[in-house]
Amino acid sequence: MAVKHIPTGIVHSGTKGGTTGCGTNTEENSSHWENTSSTITCDKNGCKN
């Protein structure tokens, strides 16, 4: 599953309401996040790997 940060358009590994692969908490400013089936675009460790 992937989750998109709407303001930046970056797609991370993870789901809304949890933590992304690179450690970002999606519960903070939850309106800025949406679950997606898009390709992961985050280059940080944990998301891309």
N, C-alpha and C. Protein backbone atom coordinates (compact mmCIF):
# COMPACT_ATOMS: atom_id res chain seq x y z
N MET A 1 0.86 -1.19 0.00
CA MET A 1 0.00 0.00 0.00
C MET A 1 0.89 1.24 0.00
N ALA A 2 0.37 2.30 -0.57
CA ALA A 2 1.10 3.56 -0.62
C ALA A 2 0.20 4.66 -0.09
N VAL A 3 0.83 5.71 0.39
CA VAL A 3 0.09 6.87 0.91
C VAL A 3 0.73 8.14 0.34
N LYS A 4 -0.11 9.05 -0.14
CA LYS A 4 0.36 10.27 -0.80
C LYS A 4 0.25 11.46 0.13
N HIS A 5 1.33 12.25 0.18
CA HIS A 5 1.31 13.53 0.91
C HIS A 5 0.80 14.58 -0.08
N ILE A 6 -0.43 15.02 0.11
CA ILE A 6 -1.11 15.87 -0.87
C ILE A 6 -0.38 17.19 -1.13
N PRO A 7 0.09 17.93 -0.10
CA PRO A 7 0.75 19.22 -0.38
C PRO A 7 2.01 19.10 -1.25
N THR A 8 2.78 18.02 -1.09
CA THR A 8 4.01 17.89 -1.86
C THR A 8 3.87 16.96 -3.06
N GLY A 9 2.85 16.09 -3.04
CA GLY A 9 2.66 15.13 -4.12
C GLY A 9 3.56 13.92 -4.03
N ILE A 10 4.32 13.79 -2.94
CA ILE A 10 5.23 12.65 -2.78
C ILE A 10 4.45 11.44 -2.29
N VAL A 11 4.69 10.29 -2.90
CA VAL A 11 4.02 9.05 -2.53
C VAL A 11 4.98 8.21 -1.70
N HIS A 12 4.56 7.82 -0.49
CA HIS A 12 5.37 7.06 0.44
C HIS A 12 4.83 5.64 0.58
N SER A 13 5.67 4.74 1.07
CA SER A 13 5.23 3.41 1.46
C SER A 13 4.51 3.52 2.79
N GLY A 14 3.38 2.83 2.95
CA GLY A 14 2.64 2.87 4.20
C GLY A 14 1.16 3.09 3.97
N THR A 15 0.43 3.41 5.03
CA THR A 15 -1.00 3.67 4.94
C THR A 15 -1.36 4.89 5.77
N LYS A 16 -2.45 5.52 5.43
CA LYS A 16 -2.96 6.66 6.20
C LYS A 16 -3.35 6.17 7.59
N GLY A 17 -3.00 6.93 8.62
CA GLY A 17 -3.31 6.56 9.99
C GLY A 17 -2.20 5.77 10.65
N GLY A 18 -1.04 5.74 10.03
CA GLY A 18 0.10 5.01 10.59
C GLY A 18 1.39 5.76 10.33
N THR A 19 2.44 5.01 10.06
CA THR A 19 3.75 5.60 9.80
C THR A 19 4.21 5.16 8.42
N THR A 20 4.84 6.07 7.68
CA THR A 20 5.37 5.71 6.36
C THR A 20 6.64 4.89 6.52
N GLY A 21 7.11 4.32 5.44
CA GLY A 21 8.33 3.53 5.46
C GLY A 21 9.53 4.32 5.93
N CYS A 22 9.56 5.63 5.67
CA CYS A 22 10.69 6.46 6.10
C CYS A 22 10.48 7.10 7.46
N GLY A 23 9.36 6.74 8.13
CA GLY A 23 9.17 7.17 9.51
C GLY A 23 8.29 8.38 9.74
N THR A 24 7.61 8.89 8.72
CA THR A 24 6.72 10.03 8.89
C THR A 24 5.39 9.57 9.46
N ASN A 25 4.89 10.27 10.47
CA ASN A 25 3.62 9.93 11.11
C ASN A 25 2.48 10.56 10.30
N THR A 26 1.62 9.72 9.69
CA THR A 26 0.53 10.24 8.87
C THR A 26 -0.68 10.67 9.70
N GLU A 27 -0.63 10.45 11.02
CA GLU A 27 -1.73 10.90 11.88
C GLU A 27 -1.63 12.40 12.18
N GLU A 28 -0.42 12.97 12.05
CA GLU A 28 -0.26 14.41 12.19
C GLU A 28 -0.71 15.05 10.88
N ASN A 29 -1.60 16.03 10.94
CA ASN A 29 -2.17 16.65 9.74
C ASN A 29 -2.74 15.59 8.81
N SER A 30 -3.62 14.74 9.34
CA SER A 30 -4.14 13.61 8.58
C SER A 30 -4.87 14.04 7.30
N SER A 31 -5.34 15.27 7.24
CA SER A 31 -6.00 15.74 6.02
C SER A 31 -5.02 15.93 4.88
N HIS A 32 -3.72 15.92 5.17
CA HIS A 32 -2.69 16.07 4.14
C HIS A 32 -2.31 14.75 3.49
N TRP A 33 -2.93 13.64 3.92
CA TRP A 33 -2.56 12.31 3.45
C TRP A 33 -3.75 11.59 2.84
N GLU A 34 -3.49 10.77 1.80
CA GLU A 34 -4.53 9.92 1.23
C GLU A 34 -3.91 8.62 0.75
N ASN A 35 -4.63 7.51 0.95
CA ASN A 35 -4.18 6.22 0.45
C ASN A 35 -4.27 6.23 -1.07
N THR A 36 -3.31 5.59 -1.72
CA THR A 36 -3.25 5.60 -3.18
C THR A 36 -2.65 4.29 -3.68
N SER A 37 -2.85 4.02 -4.94
CA SER A 37 -2.20 2.85 -5.56
C SER A 37 -1.09 3.31 -6.50
N SER A 38 -0.71 4.59 -6.41
CA SER A 38 0.34 5.15 -7.25
C SER A 38 1.70 4.56 -6.90
N THR A 39 2.66 4.72 -7.80
CA THR A 39 4.03 4.28 -7.58
C THR A 39 4.68 5.14 -6.51
N ILE A 40 5.44 4.52 -5.62
CA ILE A 40 6.14 5.24 -4.55
C ILE A 40 7.22 6.14 -5.15
N THR A 41 7.22 7.43 -4.75
CA THR A 41 8.17 8.38 -5.30
C THR A 41 9.16 8.90 -4.25
N CYS A 42 8.97 8.55 -2.96
CA CYS A 42 9.87 8.98 -1.92
C CYS A 42 11.21 8.24 -2.07
N ASP A 43 12.32 8.99 -2.01
CA ASP A 43 13.64 8.39 -2.18
C ASP A 43 14.32 8.04 -0.87
N LYS A 44 13.66 8.29 0.27
CA LYS A 44 14.27 8.04 1.56
C LYS A 44 14.30 6.55 1.89
N ASN A 45 15.23 6.13 2.74
CA ASN A 45 15.33 4.74 3.18
C ASN A 45 14.04 4.29 3.82
N GLY A 46 13.59 3.11 3.50
CA GLY A 46 12.37 2.56 4.06
C GLY A 46 11.19 2.69 3.10
N CYS A 47 11.15 3.74 2.34
CA CYS A 47 10.08 3.90 1.34
C CYS A 47 10.51 3.29 0.01
N LYS A 48 11.66 3.72 -0.48
CA LYS A 48 12.12 3.29 -1.80
C LYS A 48 12.67 1.88 -1.78
N ASN A 49 13.21 1.47 -0.64
CA ASN A 49 13.87 0.14 -0.56
C ASN A 49 12.89 -0.93 -0.13
